[in-house]
């Protein structure tokens, strides 16, 4: 297992996978603080290294009328405040070279969305910030080909790179996780994460709203840990049916402790 080294990351030397978790998008101060508080309590109890995740802006939505955010700097400020309140490192998505510099002022890690994993200028801009960069494997990209994303970032002099598996496009409305991708991407000498919730999306629905299979979250997560993932990525919300983005595939916040306890048992058994 690759250990994630990061200021403010607690339990980084513990015998555990690390966790990237939070809401899909910053909806309000109350929402991000409630989620951060609960995740902090659970991960402190279980001694799991936690990075608080939230997008400050949703650039990839099916419909023009879909919620995209509360304002870039306002959302980034709230994410940073939640991280400061609970002494947690934070991560958010970026979509353009300009956003790399903007987001890096507020968060500890930058994330490259799967659809943008081949965008050279974006990867270079992220690398040049000196922050950790998490690149999600495109739904259309092989595990082997992700070595080129790693190389682009490392050529900036920044070796703080990790990769995330989030499923491969299967037809128009489904994704399939190929667990071979976890050890294959680990060959690039970087930590590898399994994005459990996005792997269960059902995109391109006729309604214009992405569907999902949250009932399979425990199955996908358990298989990922058994396959040797260094970290797990989970989007969670107190009330997924009323979340403003990706509610169809998020884990209810109240269920995360039970899931993490199960994953810890699998992790220990598979060592």
C-alpha atoms as a PDB file:
ATOM      1  CA  UNK A   1       0.000   0.000   0.000  1.00  0.00           C
ATOM      2  CA  UNK A   2       1.189   3.516  -0.819  1.00  0.00           C
ATOM      3  CA  UNK A   3       0.969   5.945   2.106  1.00  0.00           C
ATOM      4  CA  UNK A   4      -0.425   9.418   1.427  1.00  0.00           C
ATOM      5  CA  UNK A   5       1.833  12.026   3.062  1.00  0.00           C
ATOM      6  CA  UNK A   6       0.188  15.378   3.615  1.00  0.00           C
ATOM      7  CA  UNK A   7       0.214  18.115   6.230  1.00  0.00           C
ATOM      8  CA  UNK A   8      -2.797  17.884   8.562  1.00  0.00           C
ATOM      9  CA  UNK A   9      -3.460  14.270   7.522  1.00  0.00           C
ATOM     10  CA  UNK A  10      -3.971  12.333  10.755  1.00  0.00           C
ATOM     11  CA  UNK A  11      -3.198   8.617  11.165  1.00  0.00           C
ATOM     12  CA  UNK A  12      -1.098   8.612   7.984  1.00  0.00           C
ATOM     13  CA  UNK A  13       1.185   5.981   9.477  1.00  0.00           C
ATOM     14  CA  UNK A  14      -1.691   3.808  10.711  1.00  0.00           C
ATOM     15  CA  UNK A  15      -2.440   0.410   9.230  1.00  0.00           C
ATOM     16  CA  UNK A  16      -5.332   1.641   7.126  1.00  0.00           C
ATOM     17  CA  UNK A  17      -6.408   2.739   3.688  1.00  0.00           C
ATOM     18  CA  UNK A  18      -7.000   6.498   3.392  1.00  0.00           C
ATOM     19  CA  UNK A  19     -10.364   8.109   2.640  1.00  0.00           C
ATOM     20  CA  UNK A  20     -11.388  10.974   0.363  1.00  0.00           C
ATOM     21  CA  UNK A  21     -14.961  11.826   1.325  1.00  0.00           C
ATOM     22  CA  UNK A  22     -17.506  14.603   1.382  1.00  0.00           C
ATOM     23  CA  UNK A  23     -20.423  16.003  -0.605  1.00  0.00           C
ATOM     24  CA  UNK A  24     -20.439  16.208  -4.380  1.00  0.00           C
ATOM     25  CA  UNK A  25     -20.514  20.006  -4.262  1.00  0.00           C
ATOM     26  CA  UNK A  26     -20.442  22.741  -1.628  1.00  0.00           C
ATOM     27  CA  UNK A  27     -24.131  23.541  -1.135  1.00  0.00           C
ATOM     28  CA  UNK A  28     -24.011  25.735   1.978  1.00  0.00           C
ATOM     29  CA  UNK A  29     -21.959  26.372   5.111  1.00  0.00           C
ATOM     30  CA  UNK A  30     -24.338  24.277   7.204  1.00  0.00           C
ATOM     31  CA  UNK A  31     -24.134  21.309   4.840  1.00  0.00           C
ATOM     32  CA  UNK A  32     -20.346  21.174   4.434  1.00  0.00           C
ATOM     33  CA  UNK A  33     -19.768  21.674   8.167  1.00  0.00           C
ATOM     34  CA  UNK A  34     -22.272  18.953   9.121  1.00  0.00           C
ATOM     35  CA  UNK A  35     -20.624  16.466   6.768  1.00  0.00           C
ATOM     36  CA  UNK A  36     -17.092  17.435   7.819  1.00  0.00           C
ATOM     37  CA  UNK A  37     -17.968  17.087  11.525  1.00  0.00           C
ATOM     38  CA  UNK A  38     -19.462  13.620  11.086  1.00  0.00           C
ATOM     39  CA  UNK A  39     -16.638  12.326   8.884  1.00  0.00           C
ATOM     40  CA  UNK A  40     -14.072  13.744  11.298  1.00  0.00           C
ATOM     41  CA  UNK A  41     -15.680  11.989  14.279  1.00  0.00           C
ATOM     42  CA  UNK A  42     -15.958   8.636  12.499  1.00  0.00           C
ATOM     43  CA  UNK A  43     -12.429   8.685  11.073  1.00  0.00           C
ATOM     44  CA  UNK A  44     -10.935   9.754  14.401  1.00  0.00           C
ATOM     45  CA  UNK A  45     -12.693   6.828  16.067  1.00  0.00           C
ATOM     46  CA  UNK A  46     -11.508   4.344  13.427  1.00  0.00           C
ATOM     47  CA  UNK A  47      -8.093   5.991  12.893  1.00  0.00           C
ATOM     48  CA  UNK A  48      -8.582   6.364   9.156  1.00  0.00           C
ATOM     49  CA  UNK A  49      -6.636   9.127   7.340  1.00  0.00           C
ATOM     50  CA  UNK A  50      -9.277  11.522   5.980  1.00  0.00           C
ATOM     51  CA  UNK A  51      -9.215  14.166   3.245  1.00  0.00           C
ATOM     52  CA  UNK A  52     -12.374  16.306   3.039  1.00  0.00           C
ATOM     53  CA  UNK A  53     -13.707  16.395  -0.518  1.00  0.00           C
ATOM     54  CA  UNK A  54     -16.130  18.782  -2.208  1.00  0.00           C
ATOM     55  CA  UNK A  55     -16.375  20.389  -5.624  1.00  0.00           C
ATOM     56  CA  UNK A  56     -16.664  24.177  -5.524  1.00  0.00           C
ATOM     57  CA  UNK A  57     -18.135  24.191  -9.020  1.00  0.00           C
ATOM     58  CA  UNK A  58     -19.831  21.548 -11.149  1.00  0.00           C
ATOM     59  CA  UNK A  59     -18.729  22.195 -14.707  1.00  0.00           C
ATOM     60  CA  UNK A  60     -20.055  18.917 -16.129  1.00  0.00           C
ATOM     61  CA  UNK A  61     -23.846  18.789 -15.883  1.00  0.00           C
ATOM     62  CA  UNK A  62     -26.376  17.274 -18.266  1.00  0.00           C
ATOM     63  CA  UNK A  63     -28.822  20.194 -18.305  1.00  0.00           C
ATOM     64  CA  UNK A  64     -28.215  23.926 -18.413  1.00  0.00           C
ATOM     65  CA  UNK A  65     -30.650  24.336 -15.526  1.00  0.00           C
ATOM     66  CA  UNK A  66     -28.713  21.957 -13.235  1.00  0.00           C
ATOM     67  CA  UNK A  67     -27.085  23.366 -10.084  1.00  0.00           C
ATOM     68  CA  UNK A  68     -23.444  24.263 -10.599  1.00  0.00           C
ATOM     69  CA  UNK A  69     -22.480  26.025  -7.377  1.00  0.00           C
ATOM     70  CA  UNK A  70     -22.908  28.925  -4.972  1.00  0.00           C
ATOM     71  CA  UNK A  71     -20.038  30.959  -6.411  1.00  0.00           C
ATOM     72  CA  UNK A  72     -16.455  29.895  -6.899  1.00  0.00           C
ATOM     73  CA  UNK A  73     -14.633  31.818  -4.175  1.00  0.00           C
ATOM     74  CA  UNK A  74     -17.522  31.546  -1.718  1.00  0.00           C
ATOM     75  CA  UNK A  75     -17.540  27.757  -2.064  1.00  0.00           C
ATOM     76  CA  UNK A  76     -13.741  27.518  -1.842  1.00  0.00           C
ATOM     77  CA  UNK A  77     -13.756  29.680   1.293  1.00  0.00           C
ATOM     78  CA  UNK A  78     -16.354  27.431   2.948  1.00  0.00           C
ATOM     79  CA  UNK A  79     -14.415  24.279   2.071  1.00  0.00           C
ATOM     80  CA  UNK A  80     -11.236  25.829   3.462  1.00  0.00           C
ATOM     81  CA  UNK A  81     -13.059  26.935   6.637  1.00  0.00           C
ATOM     82  CA  UNK A  82     -14.443  23.429   7.185  1.00  0.00           C
ATOM     83  CA  UNK A  83     -10.946  22.025   6.765  1.00  0.00           C
ATOM     84  CA  UNK A  84      -9.557  24.527   9.256  1.00  0.00           C
ATOM     85  CA  UNK A  85     -12.346  23.898  11.760  1.00  0.00           C
ATOM     86  CA  UNK A  86     -11.663  20.165  11.903  1.00  0.00           C
ATOM     87  CA  UNK A  87      -7.968  20.286  10.972  1.00  0.00           C
ATOM     88  CA  UNK A  88      -8.509  18.240   7.813  1.00  0.00           C
ATOM     89  CA  UNK A  89      -6.725  18.485   4.472  1.00  0.00           C
ATOM     90  CA  UNK A  90      -9.070  19.325   1.600  1.00  0.00           C
ATOM     91  CA  UNK A  91      -9.418  18.479  -2.081  1.00  0.00           C
ATOM     92  CA  UNK A  92     -11.494  19.937  -4.920  1.00  0.00           C
ATOM     93  CA  UNK A  93     -11.871  19.567  -8.693  1.00  0.00           C
ATOM     94  CA  UNK A  94     -10.459  21.992 -11.234  1.00  0.00           C
ATOM     95  CA  UNK A  95     -11.383  22.330 -14.890  1.00  0.00           C
ATOM     96  CA  UNK A  96      -9.088  24.971 -16.427  1.00  0.00           C
ATOM     97  CA  UNK A  97      -5.526  26.186 -16.014  1.00  0.00           C
ATOM     98  CA  UNK A  98      -6.789  29.373 -14.344  1.00  0.00           C
ATOM     99  CA  UNK A  99      -8.732  27.360 -11.793  1.00  0.00           C
ATOM    100  CA  UNK A 100      -5.578  25.505 -10.740  1.00  0.00           C
ATOM    101  CA  UNK A 101      -4.047  28.674  -9.339  1.00  0.00           C
ATOM    102  CA  UNK A 102      -7.361  29.821  -7.834  1.00  0.00           C
ATOM    103  CA  UNK A 103      -8.197  26.555  -6.056  1.00  0.00           C
ATOM    104  CA  UNK A 104      -4.618  26.052  -4.843  1.00  0.00           C
ATOM    105  CA  UNK A 105      -5.000  29.170  -2.667  1.00  0.00           C
ATOM    106  CA  UNK A 106      -7.669  27.395  -0.628  1.00  0.00           C
ATOM    107  CA  UNK A 107      -7.175  23.615  -0.702  1.00  0.00           C
ATOM    108  CA  UNK A 108      -4.399  21.101  -0.061  1.00  0.00           C
ATOM    109  CA  UNK A 109      -5.006  18.839  -3.062  1.00  0.00           C
ATOM    110  CA  UNK A 110      -6.298  19.343  -6.595  1.00  0.00           C
ATOM    111  CA  UNK A 111      -8.359  16.833  -8.524  1.00  0.00           C
ATOM    112  CA  UNK A 112      -8.552  16.398 -12.288  1.00  0.00           C
ATOM    113  CA  UNK A 113     -11.972  15.123 -13.456  1.00  0.00           C
ATOM    114  CA  UNK A 114     -11.985  11.927 -15.509  1.00  0.00           C
ATOM    115  CA  UNK A 115     -13.147  13.642 -18.698  1.00  0.00           C
ATOM    116  CA  UNK A 116     -10.117  15.974 -18.489  1.00  0.00           C
ATOM    117  CA  UNK A 117      -7.377  13.463 -17.650  1.00  0.00           C
ATOM    118  CA  UNK A 118      -5.663  13.944 -21.046  1.00  0.00           C
ATOM    119  CA  UNK A 119      -5.681  17.773 -20.982  1.00  0.00           C
ATOM    120  CA  UNK A 120      -1.971  18.545 -21.018  1.00  0.00           C
ATOM    121  CA  UNK A 121      -2.141  22.243 -20.105  1.00  0.00           C
ATOM    122  CA  UNK A 122      -4.467  21.490 -17.192  1.00  0.00           C
ATOM    123  CA  UNK A 123      -2.218  18.740 -15.823  1.00  0.00           C
ATOM    124  CA  UNK A 124       0.834  20.969 -16.096  1.00  0.00           C
ATOM    125  CA  UNK A 125      -0.942  23.881 -14.382  1.00  0.00           C
ATOM    126  CA  UNK A 126      -2.000  21.584 -11.554  1.00  0.00           C
ATOM    127  CA  UNK A 127       1.506  20.195 -11.192  1.00  0.00           C
ATOM    128  CA  UNK A 128       3.047  23.658 -11.109  1.00  0.00           C
ATOM    129  CA  UNK A 129       1.048  24.574  -7.994  1.00  0.00           C
ATOM    130  CA  UNK A 130       3.151  22.089  -6.021  1.00  0.00           C
ATOM    131  CA  UNK A 131       0.010  20.567  -4.516  1.00  0.00           C
ATOM    132  CA  UNK A 132      -0.902  16.888  -4.518  1.00  0.00           C
ATOM    133  CA  UNK A 133      -2.794  16.134  -7.741  1.00  0.00           C
ATOM    134  CA  UNK A 134      -5.365  13.352  -7.966  1.00  0.00           C
ATOM    135  CA  UNK A 135      -6.097  12.407 -11.575  1.00  0.00           C
ATOM    136  CA  UNK A 136      -9.235  10.400 -12.195  1.00  0.00           C
ATOM    137  CA  UNK A 137      -8.817   7.786 -14.911  1.00  0.00           C
ATOM    138  CA  UNK A 138     -11.024   8.624 -17.857  1.00  0.00           C
ATOM    139  CA  UNK A 139     -13.940   6.295 -18.518  1.00  0.00           C
ATOM    140  CA  UNK A 140     -12.360   5.820 -21.945  1.00  0.00           C
ATOM    141  CA  UNK A 141      -8.693   5.390 -20.941  1.00  0.00           C
ATOM    142  CA  UNK A 142      -6.679   2.280 -20.132  1.00  0.00           C
ATOM    143  CA  UNK A 143      -4.835   1.886 -16.847  1.00  0.00           C
ATOM    144  CA  UNK A 144      -1.571   1.676 -18.780  1.00  0.00           C
ATOM    145  CA  UNK A 145      -2.205   4.975 -20.568  1.00  0.00           C
ATOM    146  CA  UNK A 146      -2.553   6.831 -17.276  1.00  0.00           C
ATOM    147  CA  UNK A 147       1.226   6.722 -16.990  1.00  0.00           C
ATOM    148  CA  UNK A 148       1.306   9.638 -19.423  1.00  0.00           C
ATOM    149  CA  UNK A 149      -0.814  11.789 -17.094  1.00  0.00           C
ATOM    150  CA  UNK A 150       1.579  10.950 -14.264  1.00  0.00           C
ATOM    151  CA  UNK A 151       4.582  11.832 -16.417  1.00  0.00           C
ATOM    152  CA  UNK A 152       3.121  15.203 -17.447  1.00  0.00           C
ATOM    153  CA  UNK A 153       2.687  16.251 -13.827  1.00  0.00           C
ATOM    154  CA  UNK A 154       6.045  14.888 -12.681  1.00  0.00           C
ATOM    155  CA  UNK A 155       7.786  16.790 -15.483  1.00  0.00           C
ATOM    156  CA  UNK A 156       6.798  20.004 -13.664  1.00  0.00           C
ATOM    157  CA  UNK A 157       9.000  18.858 -10.780  1.00  0.00           C
ATOM    158  CA  UNK A 158       5.989  17.781  -8.717  1.00  0.00           C
ATOM    159  CA  UNK A 159       6.014  14.092  -7.783  1.00  0.00           C
ATOM    160  CA  UNK A 160       2.892  14.318  -5.566  1.00  0.00           C
ATOM    161  CA  UNK A 161       0.522  12.458  -7.881  1.00  0.00           C
ATOM    162  CA  UNK A 162      -2.155   9.832  -7.350  1.00  0.00           C
ATOM    163  CA  UNK A 163      -4.635   8.136  -9.674  1.00  0.00           C
ATOM    164  CA  UNK A 164      -8.263   7.191  -9.217  1.00  0.00           C
ATOM    165  CA  UNK A 165     -10.250   4.381 -10.825  1.00  0.00           C
ATOM    166  CA  UNK A 166     -13.900   5.336 -11.360  1.00  0.00           C
ATOM    167  CA  UNK A 167     -15.246   2.823 -13.834  1.00  0.00           C
ATOM    168  CA  UNK A 168     -15.189   2.388 -17.589  1.00  0.00           C
ATOM    169  CA  UNK A 169     -18.000   3.303 -19.974  1.00  0.00           C
ATOM    170  CA  UNK A 170     -20.167   0.294 -20.797  1.00  0.00           C
ATOM    171  CA  UNK A 171     -22.703   1.287 -23.421  1.00  0.00           C
ATOM    172  CA  UNK A 172     -24.411   4.646 -23.056  1.00  0.00           C
ATOM    173  CA  UNK A 173     -25.944   4.338 -19.594  1.00  0.00           C
ATOM    174  CA  UNK A 174     -23.606   2.330 -17.414  1.00  0.00           C
ATOM    175  CA  UNK A 175     -20.098   1.938 -16.022  1.00  0.00           C
ATOM    176  CA  UNK A 176     -18.127  -1.163 -15.075  1.00  0.00           C
ATOM    177  CA  UNK A 177     -15.184  -1.295 -12.655  1.00  0.00           C
ATOM    178  CA  UNK A 178     -12.253  -3.334 -13.921  1.00  0.00           C
ATOM    179  CA  UNK A 179     -10.394  -4.169 -10.713  1.00  0.00           C
ATOM    180  CA  UNK A 180      -7.285  -5.057 -12.719  1.00  0.00           C
ATOM    181  CA  UNK A 181      -6.839  -1.299 -13.109  1.00  0.00           C
ATOM    182  CA  UNK A 182      -5.864  -0.925  -9.440  1.00  0.00           C
ATOM    183  CA  UNK A 183      -2.644  -2.987  -9.533  1.00  0.00           C
ATOM    184  CA  UNK A 184      -1.966  -1.850 -13.110  1.00  0.00           C
ATOM    185  CA  UNK A 185      -2.009   1.831 -12.141  1.00  0.00           C
ATOM    186  CA  UNK A 186       0.033   1.107  -9.006  1.00  0.00           C
ATOM    187  CA  UNK A 187       2.817   0.093 -11.399  1.00  0.00           C
ATOM    188  CA  UNK A 188       3.151   3.824 -12.132  1.00  0.00           C
ATOM    189  CA  UNK A 189       4.513   4.157  -8.567  1.00  0.00           C
ATOM    190  CA  UNK A 190       1.691   6.342  -7.259  1.00  0.00           C
ATOM    191  CA  UNK A 191      -1.112   5.785  -4.743  1.00  0.00           C
ATOM    192  CA  UNK A 192      -4.290   4.464  -6.376  1.00  0.00           C
ATOM    193  CA  UNK A 193      -7.792   5.260  -5.178  1.00  0.00           C
ATOM    194  CA  UNK A 194     -11.126   3.634  -6.017  1.00  0.00           C
ATOM    195  CA  UNK A 195     -13.967   6.121  -6.489  1.00  0.00           C
ATOM    196  CA  UNK A 196     -16.816   3.978  -5.241  1.00  0.00           C
ATOM    197  CA  UNK A 197     -19.752   6.318  -5.795  1.00  0.00           C
ATOM    198  CA  UNK A 198     -18.955   7.664  -9.267  1.00  0.00           C
ATOM    199  CA  UNK A 199     -18.268   4.101 -10.414  1.00  0.00           C
ATOM    200  CA  UNK A 200     -21.959   3.454  -9.758  1.00  0.00           C
ATOM    201  CA  UNK A 201     -23.301   6.319 -11.846  1.00  0.00           C
ATOM    202  CA  UNK A 202     -25.765   5.680 -14.650  1.00  0.00           C
ATOM    203  CA  UNK A 203     -25.091   8.643 -16.944  1.00  0.00           C
ATOM    204  CA  UNK A 204     -26.917   9.984 -19.990  1.00  0.00           C
ATOM    205  CA  UNK A 205     -30.440   9.371 -18.713  1.00  0.00           C
ATOM    206  CA  UNK A 206     -33.320  10.692 -20.809  1.00  0.00           C
ATOM    207  CA  UNK A 207     -34.403  12.837 -17.857  1.00  0.00           C
ATOM    208  CA  UNK A 208     -31.129  14.771 -18.051  1.00  0.00           C
ATOM    209  CA  UNK A 209     -30.295  13.721 -14.481  1.00  0.00           C
ATOM    210  CA  UNK A 210     -27.615  11.084 -13.863  1.00  0.00           C
ATOM    211  CA  UNK A 211     -28.862   7.928 -12.140  1.00  0.00           C
ATOM    212  CA  UNK A 212     -26.986   5.532  -9.901  1.00  0.00           C
ATOM    213  CA  UNK A 213     -26.870   2.316  -7.880  1.00  0.00           C
ATOM    214  CA  UNK A 214     -26.000   3.347  -4.300  1.00  0.00           C
ATOM    215  CA  UNK A 215     -27.169  -0.064  -3.075  1.00  0.00           C
ATOM    216  CA  UNK A 216     -23.956  -1.457  -4.574  1.00  0.00           C
ATOM    217  CA  UNK A 217     -21.603   0.909  -2.734  1.00  0.00           C
ATOM    218  CA  UNK A 218     -20.630  -1.711  -0.093  1.00  0.00           C
ATOM    219  CA  UNK A 219     -19.966  -4.305  -2.804  1.00  0.00           C
ATOM    220  CA  UNK A 220     -17.792  -2.060  -4.968  1.00  0.00           C
ATOM    221  CA  UNK A 221     -15.895  -0.667  -1.971  1.00  0.00           C
ATOM    222  CA  UNK A 222     -15.229  -4.110  -0.477  1.00  0.00           C
ATOM    223  CA  UNK A 223     -13.922  -5.427  -3.793  1.00  0.00           C
ATOM    224  CA  UNK A 224     -11.682  -2.368  -4.166  1.00  0.00           C
ATOM    225  CA  UNK A 225     -10.073  -2.863  -0.767  1.00  0.00           C
ATOM    226  CA  UNK A 226      -9.627  -6.580  -1.468  1.00  0.00           C
ATOM    227  CA  UNK A 227      -7.974  -5.678  -4.787  1.00  0.00           C
ATOM    228  CA  UNK A 228      -5.429  -3.546  -2.951  1.00  0.00           C
ATOM    229  CA  UNK A 229      -6.618   0.045  -3.409  1.00  0.00           C
ATOM    230  CA  UNK A 230      -4.559   2.491  -1.349  1.00  0.00           C
ATOM    231  CA  UNK A 231      -7.532   4.761  -0.794  1.00  0.00           C
ATOM    232  CA  UNK A 232     -11.288   4.953  -1.152  1.00  0.00           C
ATOM    233  CA  UNK A 233     -13.284   7.888  -2.514  1.00  0.00           C
ATOM    234  CA  UNK A 234     -16.893   8.263  -1.349  1.00  0.00           C
ATOM    235  CA  UNK A 235     -19.393  11.057  -1.875  1.00  0.00           C
ATOM    236  CA  UNK A 236     -21.808  11.317   1.024  1.00  0.00           C
ATOM    237  CA  UNK A 237     -24.700  13.535   2.094  1.00  0.00           C
ATOM    238  CA  UNK A 238     -27.150  13.698   5.020  1.00  0.00           C
ATOM    239  CA  UNK A 239     -30.079  13.525   2.588  1.00  0.00           C
ATOM    240  CA  UNK A 240     -28.994  12.169  -0.830  1.00  0.00           C
ATOM    241  CA  UNK A 241     -32.445  12.415  -2.491  1.00  0.00           C
ATOM    242  CA  UNK A 242     -32.319  16.171  -1.921  1.00  0.00           C
ATOM    243  CA  UNK A 243     -28.637  16.719  -2.731  1.00  0.00           C
ATOM    244  CA  UNK A 244     -28.066  19.332  -5.415  1.00  0.00           C
ATOM    245  CA  UNK A 245     -25.723  17.103  -7.437  1.00  0.00           C
ATOM    246  CA  UNK A 246     -25.153  13.340  -7.779  1.00  0.00           C
ATOM    247  CA  UNK A 247     -27.707  12.424  -5.132  1.00  0.00           C
ATOM    248  CA  UNK A 248     -28.594   9.254  -7.044  1.00  0.00           C
ATOM    249  CA  UNK A 249     -25.247   7.597  -6.307  1.00  0.00           C
ATOM    250  CA  UNK A 250     -24.236   9.050  -2.919  1.00  0.00           C
ATOM    251  CA  UNK A 251     -23.970   7.215   0.383  1.00  0.00           C
ATOM    252  CA  UNK A 252     -26.205   8.465   3.223  1.00  0.00           C
ATOM    253  CA  UNK A 253     -23.936  10.088   5.811  1.00  0.00           C
ATOM    254  CA  UNK A 254     -25.404   7.965   8.612  1.00  0.00           C
ATOM    255  CA  UNK A 255     -24.207   4.775   6.884  1.00  0.00           C
ATOM    256  CA  UNK A 256     -20.544   5.630   6.462  1.00  0.00           C
ATOM    257  CA  UNK A 257     -19.301   4.321   9.814  1.00  0.00           C
ATOM    258  CA  UNK A 258     -20.789   0.865   9.230  1.00  0.00           C
ATOM    259  CA  UNK A 259     -19.215   0.705   5.771  1.00  0.00           C
ATOM    260  CA  UNK A 260     -15.782   1.842   6.957  1.00  0.00           C
ATOM    261  CA  UNK A 261     -15.755  -0.747   9.756  1.00  0.00           C
ATOM    262  CA  UNK A 262     -16.471  -3.456   7.190  1.00  0.00           C
ATOM    263  CA  UNK A 263     -13.731  -2.174   4.899  1.00  0.00           C
ATOM    264  CA  UNK A 264     -11.226  -2.147   7.743  1.00  0.00           C
ATOM    265  CA  UNK A 265     -11.904  -5.822   8.407  1.00  0.00           C
ATOM    266  CA  UNK A 266     -11.369  -6.663   4.744  1.00  0.00           C
ATOM    267  CA  UNK A 267      -8.210  -4.576   4.653  1.00  0.00           C
ATOM    268  CA  UNK A 268      -6.749  -6.393   7.650  1.00  0.00           C
ATOM    269  CA  UNK A 269      -7.731  -9.798   6.283  1.00  0.00           C
ATOM    270  CA  UNK A 270      -6.206  -9.120   2.870  1.00  0.00           C
ATOM    271  CA  UNK A 271      -2.791  -8.003   4.130  1.00  0.00           C
END
